[in-house]
Structure formats: C-alpha cells, structure tokens
Amino acid sequence: MHGVFTMQLFLQTFLLFALNFLDAVLTIYWVRNGFAAEGNSLMAKLLDIGDFPFLGVKLLVGAIAAVVFWRWRNLRLAKCGLMLTLAIYIGLMGIHFFTGLSAFGFISDNLVNDFSVWSHTFFAFIL
C-alpha cells in the first residue's frame, strides 16, 4: 500500500512540473503572438529579456517546488500544498484553453474578457 501511495505522489509531483512547463510554453506563445500578456510583473520582465531566461526561471521554480513537495511528501502540509498548487495550475490551463479558443476565433473576445475577470477574482480570493 505504501508503494502505491508513493507512486501516486510521484505522479502528482510530475504532473505539477509538466503543467508548469506547459504553462511556460503556452505563455510564451500567447505573449509573442499578441494574444495575451504575462500577468506576473517579474516574469513579464524576464520575458522581455527573452524566451530562454523566462523559460529557465519558470522551470527552475517548478523544479524546486517539485523537489520540495517530493522531499517532504510525508508531511500533511506538503500534500495539501501539492493539491492546492495542482488546482491552481489546472485553473491556469483553463485560462490557456479559453485564450486559445479566442485566439483561433472560436469564441468572442467579450466572453474571454468576462472569463478573465472571473479568473482573476477567483485567484485573488484563493491566494
């Protein structure tokens, strides 16, 4: 049973890193093609410097988080933190999804703006 639990936590930690990577790549694509702006001012400055500094820092932060969650996986706080972080990244994937639908003309800009306001309110509330 312990092995199954460890594997589940490993997969969740890997998923977190994969979502972090996907978030970085999609952010670069949306920003470079004029569909979105980076919401984090520090990361926006790195993106202004170039794609690789942005991607490097983003992946480094994701790797550190994954290592911390994995290293202290037996602590309840780490498990809760991992679940919260995964929920946030899944929400970010929803934002990327709607950005893509808008970028390719499948939904109106007004709907995207409404979703953006809702998501910013949601993330402000939970963070």
C-alpha atoms as a PDB file:
ATOM      1  CA  MET A   1       0.000   0.000   0.000  1.00  0.00           C
ATOM      2  CA  HIS A   2       2.854   2.377   0.822  1.00  0.00           C
ATOM      3  CA  GLY A   3       4.320   1.862  -2.692  1.00  0.00           C
ATOM      4  CA  VAL A   4       1.033   2.793  -4.355  1.00  0.00           C
ATOM      5  CA  PHE A   5       0.781   5.936  -2.228  1.00  0.00           C
ATOM      6  CA  THR A   6       4.360   6.891  -3.091  1.00  0.00           C
ATOM      7  CA  MET A   7       3.719   6.323  -6.800  1.00  0.00           C
ATOM      8  CA  GLN A   8       0.577   8.457  -6.654  1.00  0.00           C
ATOM      9  CA  LEU A   9       2.515  11.322  -5.037  1.00  0.00           C
ATOM     10  CA  PHE A  10       5.301  10.930  -7.590  1.00  0.00           C
ATOM     11  CA  LEU A  11       2.796  11.170 -10.440  1.00  0.00           C
ATOM     12  CA  GLN A  12       1.148  14.238  -8.876  1.00  0.00           C
ATOM     13  CA  THR A  13       4.536  15.896  -8.444  1.00  0.00           C
ATOM     14  CA  PHE A  14       5.454  15.046 -12.047  1.00  0.00           C
ATOM     15  CA  LEU A  15       2.085  16.411 -13.206  1.00  0.00           C
ATOM     16  CA  LEU A  16       2.805  19.653 -11.380  1.00  0.00           C
ATOM     17  CA  PHE A  17       6.133  20.029 -13.175  1.00  0.00           C
ATOM     18  CA  ALA A  18       4.555  19.122 -16.539  1.00  0.00           C
ATOM     19  CA  LEU A  19       1.769  21.692 -16.060  1.00  0.00           C
ATOM     20  CA  ASN A  20       4.370  24.291 -15.094  1.00  0.00           C
ATOM     21  CA  PHE A  21       6.267  23.560 -18.317  1.00  0.00           C
ATOM     22  CA  LEU A  22       3.086  23.685 -20.406  1.00  0.00           C
ATOM     23  CA  ASP A  23       2.100  26.968 -18.757  1.00  0.00           C
ATOM     24  CA  ALA A  24       5.502  28.439 -19.652  1.00  0.00           C
ATOM     25  CA  VAL A  25       5.398  27.314 -23.292  1.00  0.00           C
ATOM     26  CA  LEU A  26       1.811  28.470 -23.809  1.00  0.00           C
ATOM     27  CA  THR A  27       2.544  31.797 -22.128  1.00  0.00           C
ATOM     28  CA  ILE A  28       5.477  32.396 -24.466  1.00  0.00           C
ATOM     29  CA  TYR A  29       3.294  31.525 -27.468  1.00  0.00           C
ATOM     30  CA  TRP A  30       0.341  33.719 -26.447  1.00  0.00           C
ATOM     31  CA  VAL A  31       2.514  36.693 -25.490  1.00  0.00           C
ATOM     32  CA  ARG A  32       4.760  36.515 -28.568  1.00  0.00           C
ATOM     33  CA  ASN A  33       1.741  36.313 -30.859  1.00  0.00           C
ATOM     34  CA  GLY A  34      -0.084  39.208 -29.161  1.00  0.00           C
ATOM     35  CA  PHE A  35      -2.966  37.190 -27.702  1.00  0.00           C
ATOM     36  CA  ALA A  36      -2.161  37.747 -24.022  1.00  0.00           C
ATOM     37  CA  ALA A  37       0.161  39.455 -21.578  1.00  0.00           C
ATOM     38  CA  GLU A  38       2.124  37.918 -18.727  1.00  0.00           C
ATOM     39  CA  GLY A  39       0.271  38.701 -15.507  1.00  0.00           C
ATOM     40  CA  ASN A  40       3.266  38.321 -13.177  1.00  0.00           C
ATOM     41  CA  SER A  41       5.363  41.501 -13.445  1.00  0.00           C
ATOM     42  CA  LEU A  42       8.634  39.756 -12.516  1.00  0.00           C
ATOM     43  CA  MET A  43       8.082  37.037 -15.095  1.00  0.00           C
ATOM     44  CA  ALA A  44       6.990  39.663 -17.643  1.00  0.00           C
ATOM     45  CA  LYS A  45      10.368  41.382 -17.219  1.00  0.00           C
ATOM     46  CA  LEU A  46      12.139  38.075 -17.776  1.00  0.00           C
ATOM     47  CA  LEU A  47      10.027  37.501 -20.878  1.00  0.00           C
ATOM     48  CA  ASP A  48      11.047  40.955 -22.119  1.00  0.00           C
ATOM     49  CA  ILE A  49      14.679  39.835 -21.794  1.00  0.00           C
ATOM     50  CA  GLY A  50      13.980  36.694 -23.824  1.00  0.00           C
ATOM     51  CA  ASP A  51      12.207  33.377 -24.031  1.00  0.00           C
ATOM     52  CA  PHE A  52      15.054  31.338 -22.552  1.00  0.00           C
ATOM     53  CA  PRO A  53      15.518  33.405 -19.374  1.00  0.00           C
ATOM     54  CA  PHE A  54      11.746  33.231 -18.828  1.00  0.00           C
ATOM     55  CA  LEU A  55      11.611  29.503 -19.503  1.00  0.00           C
ATOM     56  CA  GLY A  56      14.717  28.816 -17.409  1.00  0.00           C
ATOM     57  CA  VAL A  57      13.414  30.628 -14.333  1.00  0.00           C
ATOM     58  CA  LYS A  58       9.934  29.158 -14.750  1.00  0.00           C
ATOM     59  CA  LEU A  59      11.316  25.619 -14.962  1.00  0.00           C
ATOM     60  CA  LEU A  60      13.738  26.221 -12.091  1.00  0.00           C
ATOM     61  CA  VAL A  61      10.902  27.401  -9.837  1.00  0.00           C
ATOM     62  CA  GLY A  62       8.794  24.409 -10.915  1.00  0.00           C
ATOM     63  CA  ALA A  63      11.660  22.003 -10.296  1.00  0.00           C
ATOM     64  CA  ILE A  64      12.327  23.454  -6.841  1.00  0.00           C
ATOM     65  CA  ALA A  65       8.643  23.177  -5.948  1.00  0.00           C
ATOM     66  CA  ALA A  66       8.512  19.588  -7.191  1.00  0.00           C
ATOM     67  CA  VAL A  67      11.632  18.647  -5.200  1.00  0.00           C
ATOM     68  CA  VAL A  68      10.288  20.307  -2.040  1.00  0.00           C
ATOM     69  CA  PHE A  69       6.914  18.584  -2.356  1.00  0.00           C
ATOM     70  CA  TRP A  70       8.613  15.258  -3.056  1.00  0.00           C
ATOM     71  CA  ARG A  71      11.235  15.602  -0.306  1.00  0.00           C
ATOM     72  CA  TRP A  72       8.648  16.362   2.380  1.00  0.00           C
ATOM     73  CA  ARG A  73       5.907  14.188   0.875  1.00  0.00           C
ATOM     74  CA  ASN A  74       5.168  12.572   4.236  1.00  0.00           C
ATOM     75  CA  LEU A  75       4.090  15.876   5.760  1.00  0.00           C
ATOM     76  CA  ARG A  76       0.438  16.795   5.550  1.00  0.00           C
ATOM     77  CA  LEU A  77       1.368  20.398   4.700  1.00  0.00           C
ATOM     78  CA  ALA A  78       3.310  19.224   1.635  1.00  0.00           C
ATOM     79  CA  LYS A  79       0.383  17.073   0.492  1.00  0.00           C
ATOM     80  CA  CYS A  80      -2.055  19.967   0.908  1.00  0.00           C
ATOM     81  CA  GLY A  81       0.362  22.335  -0.807  1.00  0.00           C
ATOM     82  CA  LEU A  82       0.733  19.967  -3.727  1.00  0.00           C
ATOM     83  CA  MET A  83      -3.040  19.629  -4.100  1.00  0.00           C
ATOM     84  CA  LEU A  84      -3.534  23.409  -3.933  1.00  0.00           C
ATOM     85  CA  THR A  85      -0.762  24.036  -6.447  1.00  0.00           C
ATOM     86  CA  LEU A  86      -2.189  21.430  -8.825  1.00  0.00           C
ATOM     87  CA  ALA A  87      -5.630  23.049  -8.542  1.00  0.00           C
ATOM     88  CA  ILE A  88      -4.147  26.438  -9.384  1.00  0.00           C
ATOM     89  CA  TYR A  89      -2.279  25.064 -12.399  1.00  0.00           C
ATOM     90  CA  ILE A  90      -5.378  23.245 -13.640  1.00  0.00           C
ATOM     91  CA  GLY A  91      -7.196  26.590 -13.392  1.00  0.00           C
ATOM     92  CA  LEU A  92      -4.377  28.208 -15.377  1.00  0.00           C
ATOM     93  CA  MET A  93      -4.806  25.547 -18.044  1.00  0.00           C
ATOM     94  CA  GLY A  94      -8.456  26.659 -18.270  1.00  0.00           C
ATOM     95  CA  ILE A  95      -7.265  30.205 -18.901  1.00  0.00           C
ATOM     96  CA  HIS A  96      -4.886  28.949 -21.604  1.00  0.00           C
ATOM     97  CA  PHE A  97      -7.737  26.936 -23.129  1.00  0.00           C
ATOM     98  CA  PHE A  98     -10.006  29.984 -23.350  1.00  0.00           C
ATOM     99  CA  THR A  99      -7.131  32.087 -24.678  1.00  0.00           C
ATOM    100  CA  GLY A 100      -6.622  29.511 -27.419  1.00  0.00           C
ATOM    101  CA  LEU A 101     -10.315  29.410 -28.282  1.00  0.00           C
ATOM    102  CA  SER A 102     -10.300  33.188 -28.563  1.00  0.00           C
ATOM    103  CA  ALA A 103      -7.023  33.343 -30.483  1.00  0.00           C
ATOM    104  CA  PHE A 104      -8.344  30.979 -33.116  1.00  0.00           C
ATOM    105  CA  GLY A 105     -11.724  32.714 -33.341  1.00  0.00           C
ATOM    106  CA  PHE A 106     -13.921  30.079 -31.714  1.00  0.00           C
ATOM    107  CA  ILE A 107     -15.290  32.380 -29.013  1.00  0.00           C
ATOM    108  CA  SER A 108     -15.813  36.128 -28.731  1.00  0.00           C
ATOM    109  CA  ASP A 109     -13.395  38.490 -27.051  1.00  0.00           C
ATOM    110  CA  ASN A 110     -16.189  39.577 -24.683  1.00  0.00           C
ATOM    111  CA  LEU A 111     -16.542  36.056 -23.311  1.00  0.00           C
ATOM    112  CA  VAL A 112     -12.785  35.843 -22.827  1.00  0.00           C
ATOM    113  CA  ASN A 113     -12.787  39.200 -21.028  1.00  0.00           C
ATOM    114  CA  ASP A 114     -15.602  38.026 -18.743  1.00  0.00           C
ATOM    115  CA  PHE A 115     -13.721  34.788 -18.033  1.00  0.00           C
ATOM    116  CA  SER A 116     -10.537  36.759 -17.382  1.00  0.00           C
ATOM    117  CA  VAL A 117     -12.267  38.979 -14.813  1.00  0.00           C
ATOM    118  CA  TRP A 118     -13.802  35.930 -13.138  1.00  0.00           C
ATOM    119  CA  SER A 119     -10.497  34.033 -13.048  1.00  0.00           C
ATOM    120  CA  HIS A 120      -8.548  36.998 -11.666  1.00  0.00           C
ATOM    121  CA  THR A 121     -11.182  37.388  -8.955  1.00  0.00           C
ATOM    122  CA  PHE A 122     -11.023  33.671  -8.191  1.00  0.00           C
ATOM    123  CA  PHE A 123      -7.220  33.564  -7.982  1.00  0.00           C
ATOM    124  CA  ALA A 124      -7.134  36.758  -5.897  1.00  0.00           C
ATOM    125  CA  PHE A 125      -9.579  35.132  -3.498  1.00  0.00           C
ATOM    126  CA  ILE A 126      -7.661  31.875  -3.051  1.00  0.00           C
ATOM    127  CA  LEU A 127      -4.212  33.443  -2.969  1.00  0.00           C
END
